[in-house]
Amino acid sequence: MYYVSKRLEISFAHRLDLDYESKCSRLHGHNAIVTVYCCSENLDKNGMVADFTKIKDTVYRHLDHALVNEAFTFNPTAENLARWICEQIPHCYKVVFQESEGNTAIYVKDGFDNAAL
């Protein structure tokens, strides 16, 4: 099994739709660190699990310097954004979405709970 990861830094703004009073319901921004993990038993014709540039382009095109509420129909929590990223990247099994120094959400696809990296 081959494993690769790509670490990205993005800036984005959002407001959360919450059923309780919170300052996060107001528009605010983050400088987030996103780490995408991919794996495959076989390499593609270029000798890769996933092209790092394609991972970067996918994440940046939709999230970097964006008001993500306008881009998605779901509540843009760190957890939901991590899941969305994982679903967009071929061979991705895990995404770590650190939206601030102390707040990190991790999404892992079913069946990969004990995967490397």
PDB file of N, CA and C in Angstrom:
ATOM      1  N   MET A   1       0.855  -1.178   0.000  1.00  0.00           N
ATOM      2  CA  MET A   1       0.000   0.000   0.000  1.00  0.00           C
ATOM      3  C   MET A   1       0.902   1.241   0.000  1.00  0.00           C
ATOM      4  N   TYR A   2       0.562   2.213  -0.832  1.00  0.00           N
ATOM      5  CA  TYR A   2       1.281   3.481  -0.906  1.00  0.00           C
ATOM      6  C   TYR A   2       0.450   4.556  -0.213  1.00  0.00           C
ATOM      7  N   TYR A   3       1.117   5.435   0.514  1.00  0.00           N
ATOM      8  CA  TYR A   3       0.450   6.532   1.219  1.00  0.00           C
ATOM      9  C   TYR A   3       1.130   7.853   0.881  1.00  0.00           C
ATOM     10  N   VAL A   4       0.340   8.892   0.669  1.00  0.00           N
ATOM     11  CA  VAL A   4       0.872  10.246   0.481  1.00  0.00           C
ATOM     12  C   VAL A   4      -0.002  11.210   1.278  1.00  0.00           C
ATOM     13  N   SER A   5       0.584  12.348   1.613  1.00  0.00           N
ATOM     14  CA  SER A   5      -0.203  13.403   2.253  1.00  0.00           C
ATOM     15  C   SER A   5       0.206  14.752   1.682  1.00  0.00           C
ATOM     16  N   LYS A   6      -0.733  15.668   1.702  1.00  0.00           N
ATOM     17  CA  LYS A   6      -0.510  17.029   1.202  1.00  0.00           C
ATOM     18  C   LYS A   6      -1.027  17.996   2.246  1.00  0.00           C
ATOM     19  N   ARG A   7      -0.173  18.919   2.696  1.00  0.00           N
ATOM     20  CA  ARG A   7      -0.542  19.927   3.683  1.00  0.00           C
ATOM     21  C   ARG A   7      -0.740  21.254   2.962  1.00  0.00           C
ATOM     22  N   LEU A   8      -1.876  21.904   3.245  1.00  0.00           N
ATOM     23  CA  LEU A   8      -2.223  23.159   2.599  1.00  0.00           C
ATOM     24  C   LEU A   8      -2.611  24.194   3.640  1.00  0.00           C
ATOM     25  N   GLU A   9      -2.366  25.442   3.333  1.00  0.00           N
ATOM     26  CA  GLU A   9      -2.844  26.538   4.172  1.00  0.00           C
ATOM     27  C   GLU A   9      -3.846  27.336   3.360  1.00  0.00           C
ATOM     28  N   ILE A  10      -5.021  27.570   3.957  1.00  0.00           N
ATOM     29  CA  ILE A  10      -6.070  28.320   3.266  1.00  0.00           C
ATOM     30  C   ILE A  10      -6.618  29.395   4.187  1.00  0.00           C
ATOM     31  N   SER A  11      -7.166  30.415   3.581  1.00  0.00           N
ATOM     32  CA  SER A  11      -7.886  31.466   4.303  1.00  0.00           C
ATOM     33  C   SER A  11      -9.316  31.442   3.795  1.00  0.00           C
ATOM     34  N   PHE A  12     -10.265  31.427   4.726  1.00  0.00           N
ATOM     35  CA  PHE A  12     -11.664  31.382   4.319  1.00  0.00           C
ATOM     36  C   PHE A  12     -12.523  32.080   5.365  1.00  0.00           C
ATOM     37  N   ALA A  13     -13.733  32.415   4.963  1.00  0.00           N
ATOM     38  CA  ALA A  13     -14.705  33.018   5.878  1.00  0.00           C
ATOM     39  C   ALA A  13     -15.965  32.164   5.861  1.00  0.00           C
ATOM     40  N   HIS A  14     -16.645  32.172   7.009  1.00  0.00           N
ATOM     41  CA  HIS A  14     -17.922  31.463   7.104  1.00  0.00           C
ATOM     42  C   HIS A  14     -18.703  31.979   8.306  1.00  0.00           C
ATOM     43  N   ARG A  15     -19.928  31.569   8.346  1.00  0.00           N
ATOM     44  CA  ARG A  15     -20.765  31.752   9.527  1.00  0.00           C
ATOM     45  C   ARG A  15     -21.500  30.430   9.692  1.00  0.00           C
ATOM     46  N   LEU A  16     -21.693  30.026  10.933  1.00  0.00           N
ATOM     47  CA  LEU A  16     -22.315  28.738  11.192  1.00  0.00           C
ATOM     48  C   LEU A  16     -23.785  28.900  11.533  1.00  0.00           C
ATOM     49  N   ASP A  17     -24.578  27.988  11.051  1.00  0.00           N
ATOM     50  CA  ASP A  17     -25.998  27.941  11.358  1.00  0.00           C
ATOM     51  C   ASP A  17     -26.165  27.032  12.567  1.00  0.00           C
ATOM     52  N   LEU A  18     -26.333  27.619  13.743  1.00  0.00           N
ATOM     53  CA  LEU A  18     -26.372  26.869  14.998  1.00  0.00           C
ATOM     54  C   LEU A  18     -27.721  27.022  15.680  1.00  0.00           C
ATOM     55  N   ASP A  19     -28.076  26.044  16.482  1.00  0.00           N
ATOM     56  CA  ASP A  19     -29.342  26.111  17.204  1.00  0.00           C
ATOM     57  C   ASP A  19     -29.160  26.667  18.617  1.00  0.00           C
ATOM     58  N   TYR A  20     -28.061  27.357  18.831  1.00  0.00           N
ATOM     59  CA  TYR A  20     -27.783  28.024  20.101  1.00  0.00           C
ATOM     60  C   TYR A  20     -27.037  29.322  19.813  1.00  0.00           C
ATOM     61  N   GLU A  21     -27.005  30.217  20.779  1.00  0.00           N
ATOM     62  CA  GLU A  21     -26.338  31.512  20.634  1.00  0.00           C
ATOM     63  C   GLU A  21     -24.824  31.317  20.624  1.00  0.00           C
ATOM     64  N   SER A  22     -24.168  31.852  19.610  1.00  0.00           N
ATOM     65  CA  SER A  22     -22.719  31.712  19.503  1.00  0.00           C
ATOM     66  C   SER A  22     -22.156  32.818  18.619  1.00  0.00           C
ATOM     67  N   LYS A  23     -20.964  33.283  18.961  1.00  0.00           N
ATOM     68  CA  LYS A  23     -20.302  34.274  18.111  1.00  0.00           C
ATOM     69  C   LYS A  23     -19.962  33.678  16.746  1.00  0.00           C
ATOM     70  N   CYS A  24     -19.908  32.355  16.637  1.00  0.00           N
ATOM     71  CA  CYS A  24     -19.606  31.702  15.361  1.00  0.00           C
ATOM     72  C   CYS A  24     -20.767  31.798  14.367  1.00  0.00           C
ATOM     73  N   SER A  25     -21.922  32.260  14.834  1.00  0.00           N
ATOM     74  CA  SER A  25     -23.056  32.478  13.931  1.00  0.00           C
ATOM     75  C   SER A  25     -22.877  33.753  13.114  1.00  0.00           C
ATOM     76  N   ARG A  26     -21.939  34.595  13.554  1.00  0.00           N
ATOM     77  CA  ARG A  26     -21.624  35.806  12.803  1.00  0.00           C
ATOM     78  C   ARG A  26     -20.484  35.504  11.817  1.00  0.00           C
ATOM     79  N   LEU A  27     -20.437  36.262  10.754  1.00  0.00           N
ATOM     80  CA  LEU A  27     -19.393  36.084   9.750  1.00  0.00           C
ATOM     81  C   LEU A  27     -18.019  36.285  10.390  1.00  0.00           C
ATOM     82  N   HIS A  28     -17.117  35.348  10.141  1.00  0.00           N
ATOM     83  CA  HIS A  28     -15.751  35.433  10.659  1.00  0.00           C
ATOM     84  C   HIS A  28     -14.824  34.619   9.758  1.00  0.00           C
ATOM     85  N   GLY A  29     -13.527  34.789   9.939  1.00  0.00           N
ATOM     86  CA  GLY A  29     -12.571  34.113   9.072  1.00  0.00           C
ATOM     87  C   GLY A  29     -11.570  33.273   9.826  1.00  0.00           C
ATOM     88  N   HIS A  30     -10.907  32.401   9.084  1.00  0.00           N
ATOM     89  CA  HIS A  30      -9.879  31.514   9.628  1.00  0.00           C
ATOM     90  C   HIS A  30      -8.729  31.400   8.648  1.00  0.00           C
ATOM     91  N   ASN A  31      -7.560  31.180   9.173  1.00  0.00           N
ATOM     92  CA  ASN A  31      -6.409  30.721   8.400  1.00  0.00           C
ATOM     93  C   ASN A  31      -6.222  29.266   8.807  1.00  0.00           C
ATOM     94  N   ALA A  32      -6.648  28.367   7.965  1.00  0.00           N
ATOM     95  CA  ALA A  32      -6.699  26.952   8.310  1.00  0.00           C
ATOM     96  C   ALA A  32      -5.533  26.186   7.697  1.00  0.00           C
ATOM     97  N   ILE A  33      -5.210  25.095   8.349  1.00  0.00           N
ATOM     98  CA  ILE A  33      -4.245  24.135   7.820  1.00  0.00           C
ATOM     99  C   ILE A  33      -5.026  22.856   7.530  1.00  0.00           C
ATOM    100  N   VAL A  34      -4.949  22.414   6.285  1.00  0.00           N
ATOM    101  CA  VAL A  34      -5.668  21.225   5.846  1.00  0.00           C
ATOM    102  C   VAL A  34      -4.637  20.196   5.397  1.00  0.00           C
ATOM    103  N   THR A  35      -4.744  18.981   5.935  1.00  0.00           N
ATOM    104  CA  THR A  35      -3.871  17.907   5.494  1.00  0.00           C
ATOM    105  C   THR A  35      -4.732  16.812   4.890  1.00  0.00           C
ATOM    106  N   VAL A  36      -4.417  16.470   3.639  1.00  0.00           N
ATOM    107  CA  VAL A  36      -5.157  15.471   2.875  1.00  0.00           C
ATOM    108  C   VAL A  36      -4.298  14.208   2.805  1.00  0.00           C
ATOM    109  N   TYR A  37      -4.901  13.070   3.128  1.00  0.00           N
ATOM    110  CA  TYR A  37      -4.204  11.784   3.113  1.00  0.00           C
ATOM    111  C   TYR A  37      -4.828  10.884   2.063  1.00  0.00           C
ATOM    112  N   CYS A  38      -3.989  10.308   1.201  1.00  0.00           N
ATOM    113  CA  CYS A  38      -4.456   9.412   0.145  1.00  0.00           C
ATOM    114  C   CYS A  38      -3.661   8.104   0.197  1.00  0.00           C
ATOM    115  N   CYS A  39      -4.297   7.033  -0.287  1.00  0.00           N
ATOM    116  CA  CYS A  39      -3.589   5.766  -0.363  1.00  0.00           C
ATOM    117  C   CYS A  39      -4.089   4.964  -1.556  1.00  0.00           C
ATOM    118  N   SER A  40      -3.238   4.056  -2.008  1.00  0.00           N
ATOM    119  CA  SER A  40      -3.603   3.173  -3.111  1.00  0.00           C
ATOM    120  C   SER A  40      -2.672   1.971  -3.089  1.00  0.00           C
ATOM    121  N   GLU A  41      -3.219   0.825  -3.481  1.00  0.00           N
ATOM    122  CA  GLU A  41      -2.385  -0.365  -3.596  1.00  0.00           C
ATOM    123  C   GLU A  41      -1.487  -0.287  -4.820  1.00  0.00           C
ATOM    124  N   ASN A  42      -1.916   0.494  -5.817  1.00  0.00           N
ATOM    125  CA  ASN A  42      -1.165   0.616  -7.069  1.00  0.00           C
ATOM    126  C   ASN A  42      -0.935   2.080  -7.408  1.00  0.00           C
ATOM    127  N   LEU A  43       0.166   2.326  -8.089  1.00  0.00           N
ATOM    128  CA  LEU A  43       0.458   3.668  -8.565  1.00  0.00           C
ATOM    129  C   LEU A  43      -0.161   3.851  -9.942  1.00  0.00           C
ATOM    130  N   ASP A  44      -0.495   5.097 -10.278  1.00  0.00           N
ATOM    131  CA  ASP A  44      -1.044   5.369 -11.603  1.00  0.00           C
ATOM    132  C   ASP A  44       0.071   5.311 -12.655  1.00  0.00           C
ATOM    133  N   LYS A  45      -0.260   5.596 -13.897  1.00  0.00           N
ATOM    134  CA  LYS A  45       0.716   5.487 -14.992  1.00  0.00           C
ATOM    135  C   LYS A  45       1.884   6.460 -14.833  1.00  0.00           C
ATOM    136  N   ASN A  46       1.709   7.482 -13.985  1.00  0.00           N
ATOM    137  CA  ASN A  46       2.790   8.441 -13.730  1.00  0.00           C
ATOM    138  C   ASN A  46       3.598   8.079 -12.485  1.00  0.00           C
ATOM    139  N   GLY A  47       3.257   6.962 -11.858  1.00  0.00           N
ATOM    140  CA  GLY A  47       3.977   6.531 -10.664  1.00  0.00           C
ATOM    141  C   GLY A  47       3.521   7.236  -9.402  1.00  0.00           C
ATOM    142  N   MET A  48       2.253   7.676  -9.379  1.00  0.00           N
ATOM    143  CA  MET A  48       1.723   8.445  -8.241  1.00  0.00           C
ATOM    144  C   MET A  48       0.476   7.795  -7.659  1.00  0.00           C
ATOM    145  N   VAL A  49       0.266   8.050  -6.368  1.00  0.00           N
ATOM    146  CA  VAL A  49      -1.029   7.758  -5.739  1.00  0.00           C
ATOM    147  C   VAL A  49      -2.005   8.849  -6.145  1.00  0.00           C
ATOM    148  N   ALA A  50      -1.575  10.092  -5.980  1.00  0.00           N
ATOM    149  CA  ALA A  50      -2.373  11.272  -6.336  1.00  0.00           C
ATOM    150  C   ALA A  50      -1.414  12.400  -6.679  1.00  0.00           C
ATOM    151  N   ASP A  51      -1.797  13.223  -7.609  1.00  0.00           N
ATOM    152  CA  ASP A  51      -0.985  14.367  -8.014  1.00  0.00           C
ATOM    153  C   ASP A  51      -1.158  15.483  -6.983  1.00  0.00           C
ATOM    154  N   PHE A  52      -0.077  15.876  -6.336  1.00  0.00           N
ATOM    155  CA  PHE A  52      -0.142  16.912  -5.297  1.00  0.00           C
ATOM    156  C   PHE A  52      -0.739  18.217  -5.825  1.00  0.00           C
ATOM    157  N   THR A  53      -0.429  18.562  -7.069  1.00  0.00           N
ATOM    158  CA  THR A  53      -0.963  19.794  -7.653  1.00  0.00           C
ATOM    159  C   THR A  53      -2.473  19.717  -7.821  1.00  0.00           C
ATOM    160  N   LYS A  54      -2.995  18.567  -8.208  1.00  0.00           N
ATOM    161  CA  LYS A  54      -4.445  18.417  -8.356  1.00  0.00           C
ATOM    162  C   LYS A  54      -5.149  18.509  -7.008  1.00  0.00           C
ATOM    163  N   ILE A  55      -4.534  17.963  -5.967  1.00  0.00           N
ATOM    164  CA  ILE A  55      -5.106  18.090  -4.617  1.00  0.00           C
ATOM    165  C   ILE A  55      -5.178  19.562  -4.239  1.00  0.00           C
ATOM    166  N   LYS A  56      -4.060  20.266  -4.413  1.00  0.00           N
ATOM    167  CA  LYS A  56      -4.008  21.692  -4.086  1.00  0.00           C
ATOM    168  C   LYS A  56      -5.031  22.486  -4.878  1.00  0.00           C
ATOM    169  N   ASP A  57      -5.110  22.238  -6.172  1.00  0.00           N
ATOM    170  CA  ASP A  57      -6.040  22.982  -7.018  1.00  0.00           C
ATOM    171  C   ASP A  57      -7.489  22.761  -6.594  1.00  0.00           C
ATOM    172  N   THR A  58      -7.846  21.533  -6.253  1.00  0.00           N
ATOM    173  CA  THR A  58      -9.216  21.237  -5.836  1.00  0.00           C
ATOM    174  C   THR A  58      -9.575  21.988  -4.565  1.00  0.00           C
ATOM    175  N   VAL A  59      -8.706  21.937  -3.587  1.00  0.00           N
ATOM    176  CA  VAL A  59      -8.984  22.606  -2.308  1.00  0.00           C
ATOM    177  C   VAL A  59      -8.984  24.117  -2.488  1.00  0.00           C
ATOM    178  N   TYR A  60      -7.970  24.660  -3.135  1.00  0.00           N
ATOM    179  CA  TYR A  60      -7.884  26.115  -3.294  1.00  0.00           C
ATOM    180  C   TYR A  60      -9.040  26.678  -4.114  1.00  0.00           C
ATOM    181  N   ARG A  61      -9.417  25.988  -5.185  1.00  0.00           N
ATOM    182  CA  ARG A  61     -10.473  26.482  -6.065  1.00  0.00           C
ATOM    183  C   ARG A  61     -11.786  26.691  -5.306  1.00  0.00           C
ATOM    184  N   HIS A  62     -12.073  25.857  -4.347  1.00  0.00           N
ATOM    185  CA  HIS A  62     -13.352  25.930  -3.651  1.00  0.00           C
ATOM    186  C   HIS A  62     -13.292  26.623  -2.288  1.00  0.00           C
ATOM    187  N   LEU A  63     -12.122  26.645  -1.650  1.00  0.00           N
ATOM    188  CA  LEU A  63     -12.076  27.114  -0.262  1.00  0.00           C
ATOM    189  C   LEU A  63     -11.196  28.327  -0.006  1.00  0.00           C
ATOM    190  N   ASP A  64     -10.094  28.472  -0.723  1.00  0.00           N
ATOM    191  CA  ASP A  64      -9.152  29.537  -0.380  1.00  0.00           C
ATOM    192  C   ASP A  64      -9.713  30.913  -0.737  1.00  0.00           C
ATOM    193  N   HIS A  65      -9.683  31.814   0.224  1.00  0.00           N
ATOM    194  CA  HIS A  65     -10.201  33.171   0.077  1.00  0.00           C
ATOM    195  C   HIS A  65     -11.657  33.179  -0.387  1.00  0.00           C
ATOM    196  N   ALA A  66     -12.432  32.268   0.173  1.00  0.00           N
ATOM    197  CA  ALA A  66     -13.840  32.145  -0.196  1.00  0.00           C
ATOM    198  C   ALA A  66     -14.731  32.363   1.023  1.00  0.00           C
ATOM    199  N   LEU A  67     -15.916  32.854   0.761  1.00  0.00           N
ATOM    200  CA  LEU A  67     -16.988  32.837   1.752  1.00  0.00           C
ATOM    201  C   LEU A  67     -17.692  31.509   1.507  1.00  0.00           C
ATOM    202  N   VAL A  68     -17.359  30.508   2.281  1.00  0.00           N
ATOM    203  CA  VAL A  68     -17.777  29.148   1.963  1.00  0.00           C
ATOM    204  C   VAL A  68     -19.287  28.931   2.087  1.00  0.00           C
ATOM    205  N   ASN A  69     -19.977  29.781   2.810  1.00  0.00           N
ATOM    206  CA  ASN A  69     -21.441  29.675   2.864  1.00  0.00           C
ATOM    207  C   ASN A  69     -22.058  29.849   1.476  1.00  0.00           C
ATOM    208  N   GLU A  70     -21.399  30.617   0.622  1.00  0.00           N
ATOM    209  CA  GLU A  70     -21.906  30.837  -0.730  1.00  0.00           C
ATOM    210  C   GLU A  70     -21.562  29.684  -1.668  1.00  0.00           C
ATOM    211  N   ALA A  71     -20.595  28.857  -1.288  1.00  0.00           N
ATOM    212  CA  ALA A  71     -20.135  27.777  -2.152  1.00  0.00           C
ATOM    213  C   ALA A  71     -20.830  26.442  -1.872  1.00  0.00           C
ATOM    214  N   PHE A  72     -21.382  26.280  -0.673  1.00  0.00           N
ATOM    215  CA  PHE A  72     -21.933  24.991  -0.275  1.00  0.00           C
ATOM    216  C   PHE A  72     -23.339  25.144   0.291  1.00  0.00           C
ATOM    217  N   THR A  73     -24.105  24.071   0.194  1.00  0.00           N
ATOM    218  CA  THR A  73     -25.461  24.081   0.748  1.00  0.00           C
ATOM    219  C   THR A  73     -25.494  23.536   2.172  1.00  0.00           C
ATOM    220  N   PHE A  74     -24.405  22.929   2.630  1.00  0.00           N
ATOM    221  CA  PHE A  74     -24.344  22.397   3.992  1.00  0.00           C
ATOM    222  C   PHE A  74     -23.782  23.431   4.956  1.00  0.00           C
ATOM    223  N   ASN A  75     -23.991  23.218   6.245  1.00  0.00           N
ATOM    224  CA  ASN A  75     -23.441  24.083   7.286  1.00  0.00           C
ATOM    225  C   ASN A  75     -21.913  23.911   7.279  1.00  0.00           C
ATOM    226  N   PRO A  76     -21.137  24.962   6.990  1.00  0.00           N
ATOM    227  CA  PRO A  76     -19.706  24.805   6.764  1.00  0.00           C
ATOM    228  C   PRO A  76     -18.853  24.720   8.044  1.00  0.00           C
ATOM    229  N   THR A  77     -19.166  23.732   8.863  1.00  0.00           N
ATOM    230  CA  THR A  77     -18.331  23.465  10.035  1.00  0.00           C
ATOM    231  C   THR A  77     -17.022  22.838   9.573  1.00  0.00           C
ATOM    232  N   ALA A  78     -16.034  22.825  10.426  1.00  0.00           N
ATOM    233  CA  ALA A  78     -14.764  22.177  10.090  1.00  0.00           C
ATOM    234  C   ALA A  78     -14.983  20.703   9.770  1.00  0.00           C
ATOM    235  N   GLU A  79     -15.887  20.059  10.507  1.00  0.00           N
ATOM    236  CA  GLU A  79     -16.172  18.648  10.274  1.00  0.00           C
ATOM    237  C   GLU A  79     -16.757  18.421   8.878  1.00  0.00           C
ATOM    238  N   ASN A  80     -17.729  19.238   8.503  1.00  0.00           N
ATOM    239  CA  ASN A  80     -18.346  19.093   7.186  1.00  0.00           C
ATOM    240  C   ASN A  80     -17.379  19.435   6.059  1.00  0.00           C
ATOM    241  N   LEU A  81     -16.530  20.432   6.276  1.00  0.00           N
ATOM    242  CA  LEU A  81     -15.541  20.787   5.247  1.00  0.00           C
ATOM    243  C   LEU A  81     -14.516  19.672   5.075  1.00  0.00           C
ATOM    244  N   ALA A  82     -14.103  19.049   6.164  1.00  0.00           N
ATOM    245  CA  ALA A  82     -13.164  17.919   6.079  1.00  0.00           C
ATOM    246  C   ALA A  82     -13.771  16.775   5.270  1.00  0.00           C
ATOM    247  N   ARG A  83     -15.028  16.441   5.540  1.00  0.00           N
ATOM    248  CA  ARG A  83     -15.695  15.372   4.805  1.00  0.00           C
ATOM    249  C   ARG A  83     -15.817  15.725   3.315  1.00  0.00           C
ATOM    250  N   TRP A  84     -16.204  16.957   3.026  1.00  0.00           N
ATOM    251  CA  TRP A  84     -16.370  17.382   1.633  1.00  0.00           C
ATOM    252  C   TRP A  84     -15.052  17.248   0.873  1.00  0.00           C
ATOM    253  N   ILE A  85     -13.958  17.717   1.470  1.00  0.00           N
ATOM    254  CA  ILE A  85     -12.647  17.616   0.818  1.00  0.00           C
ATOM    255  C   ILE A  85     -12.319  16.148   0.528  1.00  0.00           C
ATOM    256  N   CYS A  86     -12.530  15.298   1.501  1.00  0.00           N
ATOM    257  CA  CYS A  86     -12.221  13.872   1.337  1.00  0.00           C
ATOM    258  C   CYS A  86     -12.997  13.278   0.163  1.00  0.00           C
ATOM    259  N   GLU A  87     -14.239  13.692   0.009  1.00  0.00           N
ATOM    260  CA  GLU A  87     -15.082  13.173  -1.075  1.00  0.00           C
ATOM    261  C   GLU A  87     -14.653  13.676  -2.452  1.00  0.00           C
ATOM    262  N   GLN A  88     -13.912  14.777  -2.516  1.00  0.00           N
ATOM    263  CA  GLN A  88     -13.515  15.368  -3.801  1.00  0.00           C
ATOM    264  C   GLN A  88     -12.200  14.819  -4.340  1.00  0.00           C
ATOM    265  N   ILE A  89     -11.360  14.281  -3.485  1.00  0.00           N
ATOM    266  CA  ILE A  89      -9.999  13.895  -3.870  1.00  0.00           C
ATOM    267  C   ILE A  89      -9.931  12.386  -4.113  1.00  0.00           C
ATOM    268  N   PRO A  90      -9.546  11.960  -5.310  1.00  0.00           N
ATOM    269  CA  PRO A  90      -9.407  10.523  -5.566  1.00  0.00           C
ATOM    270  C   PRO A  90      -8.398   9.878  -4.608  1.00  0.00           C
ATOM    271  N   HIS A  91      -8.743   8.717  -4.121  1.00  0.00           N
ATOM    272  CA  HIS A  91      -7.914   7.914  -3.212  1.00  0.00           C
ATOM    273  C   HIS A  91      -7.765   8.526  -1.818  1.00  0.00           C
ATOM    274  N   CYS A  92      -8.495   9.584  -1.522  1.00  0.00           N
ATOM    275  CA  CYS A  92      -8.405  10.206  -0.197  1.00  0.00           C
ATOM    276  C   CYS A  92      -9.164   9.352   0.808  1.00  0.00           C
ATOM    277  N   TYR A  93      -8.545   9.130   1.964  1.00  0.00           N
ATOM    278  CA  TYR A  93      -9.206   8.369   3.019  1.00  0.00           C
ATOM    279  C   TYR A  93      -9.315   9.155   4.323  1.00  0.00           C
ATOM    280  N   LYS A  94      -8.588  10.293   4.411  1.00  0.00           N
ATOM    281  CA  LYS A  94      -8.586  11.054   5.662  1.00  0.00           C
ATOM    282  C   LYS A  94      -8.241  12.511   5.381  1.00  0.00           C
ATOM    283  N   VAL A  95      -8.920  13.417   6.105  1.00  0.00           N
ATOM    284  CA  VAL A  95      -8.606  14.841   6.040  1.00  0.00           C
ATOM    285  C   VAL A  95      -8.572  15.387   7.457  1.00  0.00           C
ATOM    286  N   VAL A  96      -7.507  16.109   7.753  1.00  0.00           N
ATOM    287  CA  VAL A  96      -7.390  16.825   9.026  1.00  0.00           C
ATOM    288  C   VAL A  96      -7.557  18.302   8.710  1.00  0.00           C
ATOM    289  N   PHE A  97      -8.558  18.926   9.341  1.00  0.00           N
ATOM    290  CA  PHE A  97      -8.903  20.317   9.070  1.00  0.00           C
ATOM    291  C   PHE A  97      -8.719  21.108  10.360  1.00  0.00           C
ATOM    292  N   GLN A  98      -7.606  21.829  10.442  1.00  0.00           N
ATOM    293  CA  GLN A  98      -7.306  22.645  11.620  1.00  0.00           C
ATOM    294  C   GLN A  98      -7.703  24.080  11.312  1.00  0.00           C
ATOM    295  N   GLU A  99      -8.857  24.506  11.838  1.00  0.00           N
ATOM    296  CA  GLU A  99      -9.347  25.837  11.486  1.00  0.00           C
ATOM    297  C   GLU A  99      -8.733  26.931  12.342  1.00  0.00           C
ATOM    298  N   SER A 100      -8.163  26.578  13.467  1.00  0.00           N
ATOM    299  CA  SER A 100      -7.436  27.524  14.307  1.00  0.00           C
ATOM    300  C   SER A 100      -6.479  26.726  15.182  1.00  0.00           C
ATOM    301  N   GLU A 101      -5.660  27.414  15.935  1.00  0.00           N
ATOM    302  CA  GLU A 101      -4.616  26.760  16.726  1.00  0.00           C
ATOM    303  C   GLU A 101      -5.141  25.607  17.580  1.00  0.00           C
ATOM    304  N   GLY A 102      -6.276  25.784  18.199  1.00  0.00           N
ATOM    305  CA  GLY A 102      -6.765  24.760  19.117  1.00  0.00           C
ATOM    306  C   GLY A 102      -7.952  23.954  18.630  1.00  0.00           C
ATOM    307  N   ASN A 103      -8.382  24.171  17.390  1.00  0.00           N
ATOM    308  CA  ASN A 103      -9.592  23.508  16.900  1.00  0.00           C
ATOM    309  C   ASN A 103      -9.308  22.712  15.632  1.00  0.00           C
ATOM    310  N   THR A 104      -9.407  21.398  15.744  1.00  0.00           N
ATOM    311  CA  THR A 104      -9.122  20.509  14.625  1.00  0.00           C
ATOM    312  C   THR A 104     -10.252  19.501  14.468  1.00  0.00           C
ATOM    313  N   ALA A 105     -10.690  19.301  13.236  1.00  0.00           N
ATOM    314  CA  ALA A 105     -11.669  18.265  12.919  1.00  0.00           C
ATOM    315  C   ALA A 105     -10.995  17.257  11.995  1.00  0.00           C
ATOM    316  N   ILE A 106     -11.320  15.994  12.188  1.00  0.00           N
ATOM    317  CA  ILE A 106     -10.741  14.933  11.362  1.00  0.00           C
ATOM    318  C   ILE A 106     -11.877  14.098  10.793  1.00  0.00           C
ATOM    319  N   TYR A 107     -11.809  13.859   9.488  1.00  0.00           N
ATOM    320  CA  TYR A 107     -12.756  12.958   8.841  1.00  0.00           C
ATOM    321  C   TYR A 107     -11.970  11.779   8.290  1.00  0.00           C
ATOM    322  N   VAL A 108     -12.425  10.565   8.598  1.00  0.00           N
ATOM    323  CA  VAL A 108     -11.815   9.338   8.096  1.00  0.00           C
ATOM    324  C   VAL A 108     -12.912   8.499   7.461  1.00  0.00           C
ATOM    325  N   LYS A 109     -12.700   8.063   6.228  1.00  0.00           N
ATOM    326  CA  LYS A 109     -13.674   7.218   5.542  1.00  0.00           C
ATOM    327  C   LYS A 109     -13.834   5.898   6.290  1.00  0.00           C
ATOM    328  N   ASP A 110     -15.020   5.338   6.225  1.00  0.00           N
ATOM    329  CA  ASP A 110     -15.271   4.031   6.824  1.00  0.00           C
ATOM    330  C   ASP A 110     -14.263   3.015   6.310  1.00  0.00           C
ATOM    331  N   GLY A 111     -13.804   2.162   7.199  1.00  0.00           N
ATOM    332  CA  GLY A 111     -12.857   1.117   6.824  1.00  0.00           C
ATOM    333  C   GLY A 111     -11.412   1.540   6.913  1.00  0.00           C
ATOM    334  N   PHE A 112     -11.141   2.805   7.225  1.00  0.00           N
ATOM    335  CA  PHE A 112      -9.770   3.300   7.298  1.00  0.00           C
ATOM    336  C   PHE A 112      -9.392   3.763   8.699  1.00  0.00           C
ATOM    337  N   ASP A 113     -10.124   3.373   9.710  1.00  0.00           N
ATOM    338  CA  ASP A 113      -9.893   3.866  11.061  1.00  0.00           C
ATOM    339  C   ASP A 113      -8.468   3.617  11.563  1.00  0.00           C
ATOM    340  N   ASN A 114      -7.837   2.558  11.121  1.00  0.00           N
ATOM    341  CA  ASN A 114      -6.496   2.213  11.606  1.00  0.00           C
ATOM    342  C   ASN A 114      -5.429   2.378  10.527  1.00  0.00           C
ATOM    343  N   ALA A 115      -5.722   3.157   9.510  1.00  0.00           N
ATOM    344  CA  ALA A 115      -4.785   3.316   8.395  1.00  0.00           C
ATOM    345  C   ALA A 115      -3.543   4.106   8.819  1.00  0.00           C
ATOM    346  N   ALA A 116      -2.475   3.893   8.098  1.00  0.00           N
ATOM    347  CA  ALA A 116      -1.220   4.605   8.363  1.00  0.00           C
ATOM    348  C   ALA A 116      -1.371   6.088   8.112  1.00  0.00           C
ATOM    349  N   LEU A 117      -0.446   6.848   8.652  1.00  0.00           N
ATOM    350  CA  LEU A 117      -0.409   8.305   8.512  1.00  0.00           C
ATOM    351  C   LEU A 117      -1.572   8.896   9.252  1.00  0.00           C
TER     352      LEU A 117
END
